[in-house]
Protein backbone atom coordinates (compact mmCIF):
# COMPACT_ATOMS: atom_id res chain seq x y z
CA MET A 1 -2.36 -18.66 -33.55
CA GLN A 2 -0.18 -15.64 -32.87
CA GLU A 3 2.86 -16.14 -30.68
CA LEU A 4 3.94 -13.38 -28.29
CA LYS A 5 7.24 -13.70 -26.55
CA ALA A 6 6.93 -12.79 -22.88
CA GLY A 7 10.35 -11.17 -22.99
CA ARG A 8 9.47 -8.79 -25.81
CA ARG A 9 8.82 -6.06 -23.27
CA PRO A 10 10.21 -7.30 -19.94
CA PRO A 11 8.22 -6.10 -16.92
CA TRP A 12 11.29 -5.84 -14.69
CA VAL A 13 12.21 -2.31 -15.81
CA GLY A 14 8.79 -1.10 -14.73
CA LEU A 15 9.16 -2.92 -11.41
CA ALA A 16 12.52 -1.25 -10.79
CA ALA A 17 11.07 2.18 -11.61
CA ALA A 18 8.09 1.43 -9.37
CA VAL A 19 10.43 1.37 -6.36
CA TRP A 20 11.15 5.09 -6.74
CA VAL A 21 7.53 5.98 -7.42
CA LEU A 22 6.34 4.06 -4.38
CA VAL A 23 8.89 5.69 -2.10
CA ALA A 24 7.49 9.03 -3.31
CA ALA A 25 3.98 7.66 -2.70
CA GLY A 26 4.78 7.34 1.00
CA ASN A 27 4.52 11.12 1.43
CA ALA A 28 1.41 10.71 3.60
CA TYR A 29 3.53 9.00 6.27
CA THR A 30 5.53 12.21 6.79
CA PHE A 31 2.64 13.94 8.60
CA PRO A 32 4.12 13.32 12.10
CA LEU A 33 7.34 15.03 10.97
CA TYR A 34 5.79 18.39 10.08
CA SER A 35 2.59 18.30 12.17
CA PRO A 36 4.31 19.90 15.22
CA SER A 37 5.11 22.92 13.02
CA LEU A 38 1.46 23.17 11.94
CA LYS A 39 0.44 23.10 15.58
CA SER A 40 2.96 25.72 16.75
CA VAL A 41 2.89 28.11 13.78
CA LEU A 42 -0.88 28.08 13.31
CA GLY A 43 -1.87 27.64 16.97
CA TYR A 44 -3.99 24.51 16.52
CA ASN A 45 -5.07 22.28 19.40
CA GLN A 46 -4.72 18.51 19.40
CA GLN A 47 -8.22 17.84 18.06
CA GLN A 48 -7.65 20.19 15.13
CA LEU A 49 -4.34 18.46 14.51
CA THR A 50 -5.98 15.03 14.55
CA MET A 51 -8.60 16.27 12.08
CA LEU A 52 -5.72 17.27 9.79
CA GLY A 53 -4.47 13.73 10.33
CA VAL A 54 -7.85 12.49 9.13
CA ALA A 55 -7.46 14.68 6.02
CA ASN A 56 -4.03 13.11 5.56
CA ASP A 57 -5.55 9.61 5.61
CA ILE A 58 -8.56 10.49 3.46
CA GLY A 59 -6.31 11.90 0.77
CA GLU A 60 -3.95 8.94 0.91
CA ASN A 61 -6.66 6.32 0.63
CA PHE A 62 -9.37 7.91 -1.51
CA GLY A 63 -8.37 6.24 -4.74
CA LEU A 64 -11.69 5.45 -6.42
CA ILE A 65 -11.12 8.08 -9.09
CA ALA A 66 -7.58 6.78 -9.59
CA GLY A 67 -8.98 3.25 -9.79
CA PHE A 68 -11.46 4.17 -12.51
CA ALA A 69 -8.71 6.06 -14.37
CA SER A 70 -6.33 3.09 -14.19
CA SER A 71 -8.77 0.94 -16.19
CA ARG A 72 -9.27 3.58 -18.87
CA PHE A 73 -6.00 5.47 -19.31
CA ARG A 74 -2.33 4.65 -19.66
CA PRO A 75 -0.27 4.39 -16.43
CA TRP A 76 1.84 7.45 -17.21
CA LEU A 77 -1.25 9.65 -17.16
CA VAL A 78 -2.27 8.26 -13.76
CA LEU A 79 1.23 8.97 -12.41
CA PHE A 80 1.19 12.46 -13.89
CA ALA A 81 -2.04 13.22 -12.01
CA GLY A 82 -0.35 12.06 -8.81
CA ALA A 83 2.63 14.36 -9.38
CA ALA A 84 0.29 17.31 -9.96
CA CYS A 85 -1.60 16.64 -6.71
CA CYS A 86 1.67 16.45 -4.82
CA PHE A 87 2.88 19.79 -6.18
CA LEU A 88 -0.39 21.60 -5.50
CA GLY A 89 -1.24 20.26 -2.04
CA PHE A 90 2.17 20.35 -0.37
CA GLY A 91 2.95 23.63 -2.10
CA VAL A 92 0.05 25.28 -0.22
CA LEU A 93 1.25 23.77 3.07
CA TRP A 94 4.77 25.08 2.47
CA LEU A 95 3.46 28.58 1.75
CA THR A 96 1.47 28.45 4.99
CA VAL A 97 4.19 27.11 7.31
CA THR A 98 6.74 29.60 5.97
CA GLN A 99 4.04 32.31 6.44
CA THR A 100 4.51 33.40 2.83
CA VAL A 101 0.72 33.29 2.73
CA THR A 102 -1.15 34.06 5.95
CA GLY A 103 -4.74 34.02 7.10
CA LEU A 104 -5.83 30.83 5.33
CA PRO A 105 -8.79 29.24 7.14
CA PHE A 106 -8.56 25.75 8.63
CA TRP A 107 -10.74 24.16 5.93
CA THR A 108 -8.37 25.42 3.21
CA LEU A 109 -5.41 23.63 4.77
CA TRP A 110 -7.60 20.56 5.32
CA ILE A 111 -8.40 20.40 1.60
CA ALA A 112 -4.79 21.16 0.62
CA LEU A 113 -3.58 18.25 2.75
CA CYS A 114 -6.21 15.99 1.17
CA ILE A 115 -5.00 16.97 -2.30
CA GLY A 116 -1.33 16.58 -1.46
CA THR A 117 -1.65 13.13 0.08
CA ASN A 118 -4.12 12.04 -2.60
CA SER A 119 -1.06 11.89 -4.83
CA SER A 120 -0.22 8.69 -2.95
CA ALA A 121 -3.46 7.07 -4.15
CA TRP A 122 -2.72 7.95 -7.78
CA LEU A 123 0.90 6.81 -7.63
CA VAL A 124 0.20 3.54 -5.80
CA THR A 125 -2.74 2.69 -8.06
CA GLY A 126 -0.83 3.38 -11.29
CA VAL A 127 2.13 1.29 -10.19
CA LEU A 128 0.34 -1.51 -8.35
CA VAL A 129 -2.33 -2.20 -10.97
CA THR A 130 0.22 -2.25 -13.79
CA ASN A 131 2.64 -4.59 -12.02
CA MET A 132 -0.05 -6.93 -10.69
CA ARG A 133 -1.18 -7.40 -14.29
CA ASN A 134 2.40 -7.81 -15.49
CA PHE A 135 3.01 -10.58 -12.90
CA PRO A 136 -0.42 -12.26 -12.56
CA LEU A 137 0.98 -15.53 -11.17
CA SER A 138 2.97 -13.89 -8.34
CA ARG A 139 0.38 -11.56 -6.89
CA GLY A 140 1.26 -11.98 -3.22
CA THR A 141 4.98 -11.58 -3.83
CA VAL A 142 4.58 -8.52 -6.06
CA SER A 143 2.08 -6.93 -3.70
CA GLY A 144 4.38 -7.51 -0.73
CA ILE A 145 7.39 -5.99 -2.51
CA LEU A 146 5.56 -2.94 -3.83
CA LYS A 147 3.59 -2.19 -0.67
CA GLY A 148 6.77 -2.90 1.30
CA TYR A 149 8.60 -0.04 -0.38
CA VAL A 150 5.68 2.25 0.45
CA GLY A 151 6.02 1.24 4.09
CA LEU A 152 9.79 1.74 3.95
CA SER A 153 9.33 5.25 2.59
CA LEU A 154 8.80 6.68 6.09
CA SER A 155 12.31 5.53 7.03
CA VAL A 156 13.64 7.15 3.84
CA PHE A 157 11.86 10.42 4.61
CA THR A 158 12.87 10.32 8.28
CA ALA A 159 16.53 9.85 7.37
CA LEU A 160 16.22 12.58 4.75
CA TYR A 161 14.53 14.87 7.29
CA THR A 162 17.13 14.41 10.03
CA GLY A 163 20.11 14.32 7.66
CA MET A 164 20.03 16.35 4.48
CA LEU A 165 17.12 18.61 5.53
CA HIS A 166 18.49 19.30 9.05
CA SER A 167 15.17 18.51 10.80
CA SER A 168 13.45 21.44 9.09
CA SER A 169 9.71 21.10 8.44
CA THR A 170 9.78 23.83 5.82
CA ASN A 171 12.57 22.10 3.92
CA LEU A 172 10.65 18.84 4.09
CA LEU A 173 7.45 20.41 2.73
CA LEU A 174 9.42 22.07 -0.07
CA PHE A 175 10.95 18.70 -0.99
CA LEU A 176 7.50 17.10 -0.99
CA ALA A 177 6.16 19.85 -3.24
CA ILE A 178 9.00 19.90 -5.78
CA GLY A 179 11.30 16.90 -5.34
CA LEU A 180 8.65 14.17 -5.38
CA PRO A 181 6.87 15.37 -8.55
CA ALA A 182 10.27 15.51 -10.27
CA ILE A 183 10.93 11.86 -9.35
CA CYS A 184 7.50 10.82 -10.62
CA LEU A 185 7.89 12.67 -13.91
CA ALA A 186 11.27 11.01 -14.46
CA MET A 187 9.91 7.49 -13.87
CA MET A 188 6.37 7.56 -15.22
CA CYS A 189 7.14 6.56 -18.80
CA THR A 190 8.93 3.36 -17.69
CA VAL A 191 5.91 2.02 -15.76
CA ARG A 192 3.80 0.49 -18.53
CA PRO A 193 1.91 -2.69 -19.41
CA CYS A 194 4.02 -5.63 -20.55
CA THR A 195 3.30 -9.11 -21.84
CA PRO A 196 2.32 -11.05 -18.71
CA SER A 197 4.24 -14.22 -17.98
CA LEU A 198 1.82 -17.15 -17.63
CA GLU A 199 4.52 -19.67 -16.72
CA GLU A 200 6.53 -19.87 -13.53
CA ASN A 201 10.23 -20.66 -13.43
CA THR A 202 13.04 -20.70 -10.89
CA SER A 203 14.80 -17.70 -12.43
CA GLU A 204 11.76 -15.49 -11.82
CA ARG A 205 11.56 -16.57 -8.20
CA GLY A 206 15.27 -15.82 -7.85
CA ARG A 207 14.75 -12.29 -9.16
CA PHE A 208 11.97 -11.66 -6.67
CA LEU A 209 14.21 -12.98 -3.90
CA PHE A 210 16.98 -10.59 -4.95
CA ILE A 211 14.61 -7.60 -4.69
CA GLN A 212 13.34 -8.79 -1.31
CA ILE A 213 16.85 -9.16 0.08
CA SER A 214 17.96 -5.77 -1.22
CA SER A 215 14.89 -4.11 0.29
CA VAL A 216 15.52 -5.73 3.69
CA LEU A 217 19.15 -4.54 3.61
CA LEU A 218 17.92 -1.05 2.74
CA GLY A 219 15.52 -1.12 5.70
CA LEU A 220 18.23 -2.23 8.12
CA TYR A 221 20.59 0.40 6.72
CA LEU A 222 18.02 3.18 7.21
CA LEU A 223 17.16 2.01 10.71
CA SER A 224 20.81 1.94 11.79
CA PHE A 225 21.43 5.42 10.35
CA THR A 226 18.41 6.94 12.10
CA ILE A 227 19.36 5.46 15.46
CA THR A 228 23.01 6.49 15.08
CA ASN A 229 22.10 10.01 13.96
CA SER A 230 19.83 10.46 16.98
CA TYR A 231 22.72 9.86 19.40
CA VAL A 232 25.75 11.09 17.41
CA SER A 233 25.96 14.23 15.31
CA LEU A 234 27.17 13.18 11.85
CA GLY A 235 29.03 15.61 9.61
CA ASP A 236 27.82 16.71 6.20
CA GLY A 237 30.38 14.51 4.45
CA ILE A 238 29.22 11.33 6.23
CA THR A 239 25.60 12.28 5.63
CA CYS A 240 26.18 12.70 1.89
CA LEU A 241 28.00 9.35 1.79
CA PHE A 242 25.06 7.74 3.56
CA PHE A 243 22.61 9.07 1.00
CA GLY A 244 24.81 7.94 -1.86
CA ILE A 245 24.71 4.38 -0.52
CA MET A 246 20.93 4.66 0.01
CA VAL A 247 20.49 5.61 -3.65
CA LEU A 248 22.47 2.51 -4.66
CA PHE A 249 20.11 0.34 -2.61
CA LEU A 250 17.12 1.96 -4.32
CA LEU A 251 18.74 1.29 -7.71
CA ALA A 252 19.38 -2.39 -6.88
CA PRO A 253 16.22 -3.74 -8.62
CA LEU A 254 17.48 -2.20 -11.86
CA ALA A 255 20.27 -4.82 -11.85
CA ILE A 256 17.72 -7.44 -12.95
CA PRO A 257 16.74 -5.92 -16.32
CA LEU A 258 20.36 -4.92 -16.90
CA LYS A 259 21.48 -8.49 -16.34
CA MET A 260 18.71 -9.81 -18.61
CA THR A 261 19.78 -7.35 -21.33
CA PHE A 262 23.53 -7.94 -21.29
CA PHE A 263 23.57 -11.61 -20.16
CA PRO A 264 20.42 -13.20 -21.59
CA ALA A 265 19.85 -16.85 -20.80
CA ASN A 266 18.53 -19.07 -23.59
CA ASN A 267 16.27 -21.02 -21.26
CA GLU A 268 14.51 -17.93 -19.95
CA GLN A 269 12.49 -17.33 -23.09
CA THR A 270 8.90 -18.45 -22.49
CA VAL A 271 6.19 -18.27 -25.08
CA ALA A 272 2.54 -17.56 -24.41
CA LYS A 273 0.20 -18.50 -27.22
CA ILE A 274 -2.79 -16.24 -27.54
CA PRO A 275 -5.53 -16.62 -30.10
CA SER A 276 -5.42 -14.07 -32.89
CA SER A 277 -9.18 -13.97 -33.24
CA GLY A 278 -9.67 -10.75 -31.33
CA SER A 279 -9.65 -12.20 -27.83
CA LEU A 280 -6.64 -9.98 -27.25
CA ASP A 281 -9.03 -7.08 -27.03
CA ASP A 282 -10.91 -8.83 -24.25
CA LEU A 283 -7.75 -8.86 -22.19
CA SER A 284 -6.83 -5.25 -22.74
CA THR A 285 -7.89 -2.27 -20.72
CA GLY A 286 -9.66 0.74 -22.11
CA GLY A 287 -7.36 3.22 -23.79
CA GLN A 288 -4.75 0.64 -24.81
CA ASP A 289 -3.94 0.23 -28.48
CA LYS A 290 -3.94 -3.22 -30.01
CA THR A 291 -0.16 -3.39 -30.35
CA GLU A 292 0.35 -3.21 -26.59
CA PRO A 293 1.18 -6.37 -24.64
CA LEU A 294 -2.01 -7.22 -22.85
CA ILE A 295 -3.17 -8.25 -19.45
CA ALA A 296 -4.80 -11.20 -17.81
CA THR A 297 -7.97 -10.42 -15.97
CA SER A 298 -10.17 -13.01 -14.29
CA SER A 299 -8.60 -15.08 -11.56
CA ALA A 300 -10.62 -18.14 -12.43
CA ASN A 301 -10.67 -18.07 -16.19
CA ASN A 302 -7.63 -16.25 -17.56
CA LEU A 303 -4.64 -17.42 -15.55
CA GLY A 304 -4.42 -21.04 -16.45
CA ASN A 305 -3.39 -22.72 -19.64
CA VAL A 306 -4.70 -20.40 -22.36
CA GLN A 307 -4.56 -23.23 -24.86
CA GLU A 308 -7.37 -25.19 -23.18
CA SER A 309 -9.94 -23.44 -25.37
CA ASP A 310 -8.42 -25.23 -28.36
CA ASP A 311 -9.62 -28.54 -26.93
CA VAL A 312 -13.27 -27.61 -27.29
CA SER A 313 -14.75 -29.14 -30.43
CA ASP A 314 -16.50 -27.11 -33.11
CA VAL A 315 -19.81 -28.76 -32.21
CA GLU A 316 -19.46 -27.77 -28.56
CA MET A 317 -18.60 -24.22 -29.58
CA LEU A 318 -21.73 -24.01 -31.74
CA LEU A 319 -23.85 -25.34 -28.88
CA ALA A 320 -22.30 -22.80 -26.55
CA VAL A 321 -23.11 -19.97 -28.95
CA GLY A 322 -26.67 -21.21 -29.38
CA GLU A 323 -27.26 -21.52 -25.67
CA GLY A 324 -25.72 -18.14 -25.09
CA ALA A 325 -28.32 -16.60 -27.38
CA VAL A 326 -31.16 -17.61 -25.10
CA LYS A 327 -29.58 -17.82 -21.66
CA LYS A 328 -29.22 -14.83 -19.37
CA LYS A 329 -25.76 -13.62 -18.52
CA ARG A 330 -24.72 -15.40 -15.35
CA ARG A 331 -23.55 -13.45 -12.35
CA PRO A 332 -19.83 -13.62 -11.63
CA LYS A 333 -18.64 -16.18 -9.12
CA ARG A 334 -15.70 -15.98 -6.76
CA GLY A 335 -12.56 -15.64 -8.85
CA ASP A 336 -14.34 -14.11 -11.85
CA ASP A 337 -14.07 -10.46 -12.83
CA PHE A 338 -16.43 -8.38 -10.71
CA GLU A 339 -17.47 -4.82 -11.29
CA LEU A 340 -17.78 -2.64 -8.22
CA HIS A 341 -21.58 -2.79 -8.03
CA GLU A 342 -21.43 -6.59 -8.32
CA ALA A 343 -18.86 -6.90 -5.53
CA LEU A 344 -20.80 -4.58 -3.20
CA ILE A 345 -23.58 -7.16 -2.78
CA LYS A 346 -21.18 -9.94 -1.72
CA ALA A 347 -20.75 -10.83 1.95
CA ASP A 348 -17.08 -11.72 1.35
CA PHE A 349 -16.41 -8.20 0.12
CA TRP A 350 -17.82 -6.58 3.25
CA LEU A 351 -16.18 -9.05 5.62
CA LEU A 352 -12.82 -8.22 4.05
CA PHE A 353 -13.62 -4.50 4.17
CA MET A 354 -14.57 -4.58 7.87
CA ALA A 355 -11.55 -6.65 8.85
CA PHE A 356 -9.24 -4.26 7.00
CA PHE A 357 -11.09 -1.20 8.37
CA ILE A 358 -10.49 -2.36 11.94
CA GLY A 359 -6.89 -3.50 11.49
CA ALA A 360 -5.60 -0.65 9.33
CA GLY A 361 -7.85 2.06 10.81
CA SER A 362 -6.71 1.39 14.36
CA GLY A 363 -3.06 1.15 13.27
CA VAL A 364 -3.10 4.47 11.46
CA THR A 365 -4.58 6.07 14.60
CA VAL A 366 -1.37 5.24 16.44
CA LEU A 367 0.75 6.47 13.54
CA ASN A 368 -1.03 9.84 13.39
CA ASN A 369 -0.59 10.36 17.15
CA LEU A 370 2.83 8.75 17.54
CA ALA A 371 4.61 12.03 18.35
CA GLN A 372 2.09 12.87 21.09
CA ILE A 373 2.17 9.28 22.40
CA GLY A 374 5.95 9.57 22.78
CA ILE A 375 5.70 12.93 24.54
CA ALA A 376 3.08 11.54 26.93
CA VAL A 377 5.53 8.91 28.20
CA GLY A 378 8.56 11.22 28.18
CA VAL A 379 10.05 10.69 24.69
CA ASP A 380 10.60 14.11 23.13
CA ASP A 381 12.12 13.02 19.80
CA PRO A 382 9.70 10.86 17.79
CA THR A 383 12.10 10.03 14.95
CA ILE A 384 13.17 6.66 16.38
CA LEU A 385 9.54 5.69 16.98
CA LEU A 386 8.64 6.68 13.44
CA CYS A 387 11.57 4.74 12.01
CA LEU A 388 10.65 1.66 14.07
CA PHE A 389 7.05 1.84 12.90
CA SER A 390 8.20 2.33 9.30
CA PHE A 391 10.62 -0.59 9.38
CA GLY A 392 8.02 -2.80 11.04
CA ASN A 393 5.45 -1.70 8.45
CA PHE A 394 7.90 -2.59 5.70
CA LEU A 395 8.67 -6.02 7.17
CA GLY A 396 4.98 -6.70 7.61
CA ARG A 397 4.17 -5.80 4.02
CA LEU A 398 7.11 -7.68 2.52
CA GLY A 399 6.79 -10.68 4.83
CA GLY A 400 3.00 -10.76 4.63
CA GLY A 401 3.14 -11.01 0.86
CA ALA A 402 5.89 -13.65 0.80
CA VAL A 403 4.56 -15.79 3.68
CA SER A 404 0.97 -15.75 2.45
CA GLU A 405 2.19 -16.67 -1.04
CA TYR A 406 4.13 -19.63 0.33
CA PHE A 407 1.28 -21.03 2.41
CA VAL A 408 -1.34 -20.43 -0.24
CA ARG A 409 0.68 -22.53 -2.67
CA THR A 410 1.78 -25.30 -0.27
CA ARG A 411 -1.27 -25.54 2.02
CA MET A 412 -3.93 -23.63 0.04
CA LEU A 413 -4.32 -21.50 3.18
CA PRO A 414 -6.48 -18.41 2.56
CA ARG A 415 -4.56 -15.18 2.94
CA PRO A 416 -6.98 -13.55 5.45
CA ILE A 417 -5.82 -16.04 8.10
CA TRP A 418 -2.80 -13.76 8.51
CA MET A 419 -5.11 -10.81 9.19
CA THR A 420 -6.52 -12.88 12.05
CA CYS A 421 -3.09 -13.65 13.50
CA THR A 422 -1.85 -10.08 13.33
CA GLN A 423 -4.99 -8.60 14.85
CA ILE A 424 -4.50 -10.86 17.87
CA ILE A 425 -0.97 -9.43 18.19
CA MET A 426 -2.35 -5.90 17.77
CA ILE A 427 -4.57 -6.46 20.81
CA LEU A 428 -1.43 -7.18 22.84
CA ALA A 429 0.31 -4.10 21.43
CA TYR A 430 -2.59 -1.82 22.38
CA LEU A 431 -2.62 -3.21 25.91
CA LEU A 432 1.10 -2.43 26.19
CA TYR A 433 0.44 1.11 24.95
CA ALA A 434 -2.32 1.50 27.55
CA LEU A 435 0.20 0.82 30.33
CA GLY A 436 2.11 3.95 29.26
CA LEU A 437 5.56 2.51 29.96
CA SER A 438 8.53 3.99 28.12
CA SER A 439 10.37 0.65 28.42
CA THR A 440 7.84 -1.13 26.18
CA LEU A 441 7.15 1.76 23.78
CA ASN A 442 9.73 0.80 21.15
CA ALA A 443 8.75 -2.88 21.17
CA SER A 444 5.01 -2.19 20.93
CA THR A 445 5.59 0.35 18.14
CA ALA A 446 7.65 -2.09 16.05
CA MET A 447 5.13 -4.86 16.74
CA LEU A 448 2.21 -2.68 15.66
CA GLY A 449 4.07 -1.56 12.53
CA ILE A 450 4.56 -5.18 11.44
CA CYS A 451 0.90 -6.03 11.99
CA TYR A 452 -0.26 -2.88 10.19
CA GLY A 453 1.89 -3.80 7.19
CA VAL A 454 0.53 -7.34 7.03
CA GLN A 455 -3.05 -6.04 6.89
CA THR A 456 -2.34 -4.12 3.68
CA SER A 457 -0.15 -6.68 1.92
CA VAL A 458 -2.70 -9.46 2.52
CA MET A 459 -5.75 -7.42 1.53
CA VAL A 460 -4.43 -6.48 -1.93
CA PRO A 461 -3.92 -9.97 -3.47
CA THR A 462 -7.04 -11.27 -1.70
CA VAL A 463 -9.15 -8.73 -3.60
CA SER A 464 -7.62 -9.79 -6.92
CA GLU A 465 -8.14 -13.50 -6.22
CA LEU A 466 -11.77 -13.19 -5.12
CA PHE A 467 -12.92 -10.47 -7.54
CA GLY A 468 -10.52 -10.59 -10.51
CA LEU A 469 -7.98 -8.23 -12.04
CA LYS A 470 -10.10 -6.46 -14.64
CA HIS A 471 -11.48 -3.87 -12.18
CA PHE A 472 -8.83 -4.45 -9.55
CA GLY A 473 -7.83 -0.77 -9.31
CA THR A 474 -11.34 0.30 -8.37
CA LEU A 475 -11.99 -2.60 -5.99
CA PHE A 476 -8.84 -2.37 -3.91
CA ASN A 477 -9.13 1.42 -3.69
CA PHE A 478 -12.64 0.99 -2.29
CA MET A 479 -11.13 -1.32 0.33
CA LEU A 480 -8.57 1.35 1.19
CA LEU A 481 -11.40 3.66 2.26
CA GLY A 482 -11.45 1.65 5.48
CA ASN A 483 -8.18 3.34 6.43
CA PRO A 484 -9.43 6.98 6.55
CA LEU A 485 -12.77 5.85 7.95
CA GLY A 486 -10.92 4.24 10.84
CA ALA A 487 -8.74 7.34 11.23
CA PHE A 488 -11.82 9.57 11.42
CA LEU A 489 -13.59 7.43 14.01
CA PHE A 490 -10.64 6.24 16.11
CA SER A 491 -8.24 9.18 15.75
CA GLY A 492 -10.37 12.26 15.00
CA LEU A 493 -13.40 11.56 17.20
CA LEU A 494 -11.90 9.31 19.88
CA ALA A 495 -8.19 9.92 20.44
CA GLY A 496 -8.13 13.66 19.73
CA SER A 497 -11.09 14.58 21.94
CA LEU A 498 -9.94 12.40 24.85
CA TYR A 499 -6.43 13.84 24.60
CA ASP A 500 -7.68 17.43 24.79
CA LYS A 501 -9.98 16.64 27.73
CA GLU A 502 -7.14 15.09 29.68
CA ALA A 503 -4.86 18.01 28.84
CA ALA A 504 -7.55 20.40 30.10
CA LYS A 505 -7.57 18.58 33.44
CA GLN A 506 -3.79 18.86 33.70
CA HIS A 507 -3.58 22.53 32.66
CA PRO A 508 -6.55 24.52 33.93
CA PRO A 509 -7.94 26.89 32.78
CA PHE A 510 -6.46 25.64 29.49
CA LEU A 511 -6.08 29.02 27.84
CA ASP A 512 -3.05 28.35 25.64
CA HIS A 513 -3.87 25.47 23.28
CA SER A 514 -0.67 25.70 21.29
CA SER A 515 1.78 25.13 24.16
CA THR A 516 -0.13 22.60 26.27
CA SER A 517 0.70 18.91 26.07
CA CYS A 518 -0.84 15.99 27.88
CA LEU A 519 1.57 13.93 29.99
CA GLY A 520 1.16 10.46 31.44
CA PRO A 521 -0.49 7.18 30.44
CA SER A 522 -3.98 8.61 31.02
CA CYS A 523 -3.71 10.67 27.80
CA PHE A 524 -4.38 7.67 25.54
CA ARG A 525 -5.34 4.85 27.92
CA VAL A 526 -9.06 4.79 27.10
CA THR A 527 -8.25 5.07 23.40
CA PHE A 528 -5.94 2.04 23.45
CA LEU A 529 -8.33 -0.07 25.49
CA THR A 530 -11.07 0.77 22.97
CA LEU A 531 -8.81 -0.18 20.06
CA ALA A 532 -7.99 -3.50 21.74
CA GLY A 533 -11.71 -4.26 22.03
CA VAL A 534 -12.36 -3.29 18.42
CA CYS A 535 -9.52 -5.55 17.22
CA SER A 536 -11.20 -8.45 19.03
CA LEU A 537 -14.16 -7.93 16.71
CA GLY A 538 -11.83 -7.69 13.72
CA THR A 539 -10.27 -11.01 14.68
CA LEU A 540 -13.67 -12.68 14.66
CA LEU A 541 -14.63 -11.20 11.27
CA SER A 542 -11.38 -12.28 9.60
CA MET A 543 -11.82 -15.81 10.99
CA ILE A 544 -15.31 -15.99 9.47
CA LEU A 545 -13.99 -14.75 6.13
CA THR A 546 -11.16 -17.29 6.15
CA ARG A 547 -13.59 -20.14 6.70
CA ARG A 548 -15.95 -18.93 3.96
CA ILE A 549 -13.34 -18.60 1.21
CA ARG A 550 -11.30 -21.75 1.95
CA PRO A 551 -12.94 -23.63 -0.98
CA VAL A 552 -11.97 -20.80 -3.34
CA TYR A 553 -8.28 -21.19 -2.55
CA GLN A 554 -8.52 -24.97 -2.79
CA MET A 555 -9.88 -24.50 -6.31
CA LEU A 556 -7.41 -21.82 -7.42
CA TYR A 557 -4.22 -23.30 -5.95
CA ALA A 558 -4.75 -27.05 -6.20
CA GLY A 559 -1.44 -28.53 -7.28
CA GLY A 560 0.68 -25.77 -5.75
CA SER A 561 0.24 -23.05 -8.36
CA PHE A 562 -2.46 -20.83 -9.77
CA ARG A 563 -4.62 -23.04 -11.96
CA GLN A 564 -7.67 -22.75 -14.17
CA PRO A 565 -10.77 -24.63 -13.07
CA PRO A 566 -12.20 -27.22 -15.44
CA THR A 567 -13.56 -25.62 -18.58
CA SER A 568 -17.33 -25.47 -18.69
CA ILE A 569 -19.71 -24.46 -21.46
CA HIS A 570 -22.47 -22.04 -20.59
């Protein structure tokens, strides 16, 4: 037996660096900040703008290529590809908005936006896959923290936009094209595979709690600054001080590896025994050398006590080998490692996909049209709405991961039950939007942001628990395709066309597309009523999924922690 100390390469440095990468990965959320400039400078109508919003969502969520790459190449290469996409795509948009380059057709900008926001898929995949494998026993917590910082990124960008960038769309696009790739290049070498901890302890839970608290304080800090800055003009000195404090909040997770380095605790060293017979290679991903700390893969078979295989007698092992020579390879069961083609034939996979498609796809429709929704009810400045949605999205992602982790361990409650609960709340939010009242706009926006965040944070660990970690990058990126599909159907085809038709009624003969806005609750009423009806279907689907997979969670979490089912010989 070869002993590998879990602390030999602590995963906490990579988790701290992931915070910065994931904030950069939230670049797709900035579309409402610069979309008015695209509309005014290029003379687009609302339907063309919503189709650019669809491009924004397709780029953000099309991560299949990134998923395949994450299982074959090192994380730094995946992050480098994301930085390159960011530079290329947003660089073209900056050249267009500043009119440095003129005459580009609509399809060119559509593709450029896809490329620019596709950086988000590469960055999120590289960071999320690596850290989920580094912390295989805390999947819900890690997913909630990481996806939470992505949701919080809109508040960071909104504060940056209104403060340091002086509400300039061109400055924002230049920062997206140059500043974000620089951040990714600086952090990419610190996000790497580490020896996964296969034992839980109170100190690890305390570290996660510290990161959660610091992220909540950062969210509250950003929200208060955005609201204050919208009513009071802050000087450059105060603005710089604000951003200095924001940077300290973003650096807070780095305190954990620093503390572990300078003040190591003797009782924190845990040892994971791994056979030296070559099974290490079975746990590694393609492209990793044999000296790298390696990952756990299957939910059902690789996350329990790795020493159980030692209890099998030599006779049983010989029988297993003999039977394996004549028996066909069995199909994976829930909790095993699935490949994409194996998961595509499972009803659970499609139930989860449809539930996420409805919840996230309808939520992103509101996000893409949030500026126009505010204008329709008399709110000219969308920054507060965007910040409320962002903070709600962050709370939903962070809270969804933590709450689902708690109940899955104490009650063995399947995570999709929280998708059911939030979609019921989303129905209420859409009905409030349909009323078109400015008095309920902030509350419904924050409510929808929370529910939207829960959808994502719950989906991610559910995929890993049902279909394993080995091909997790590919599987969860396939799930994310539900987001742009929903944006195309609900935002591009439904909301955009209905908005333009209503604007045409209000402004006949509707000659000037670029300066005409739709006013009143009728602009989006039919859209919101449709979304409320669709979410009713999503509620039903998530309830069916929860009932189907309840036995899986009873098997995996019996005893309050992730456990290995009884060893069987095939």
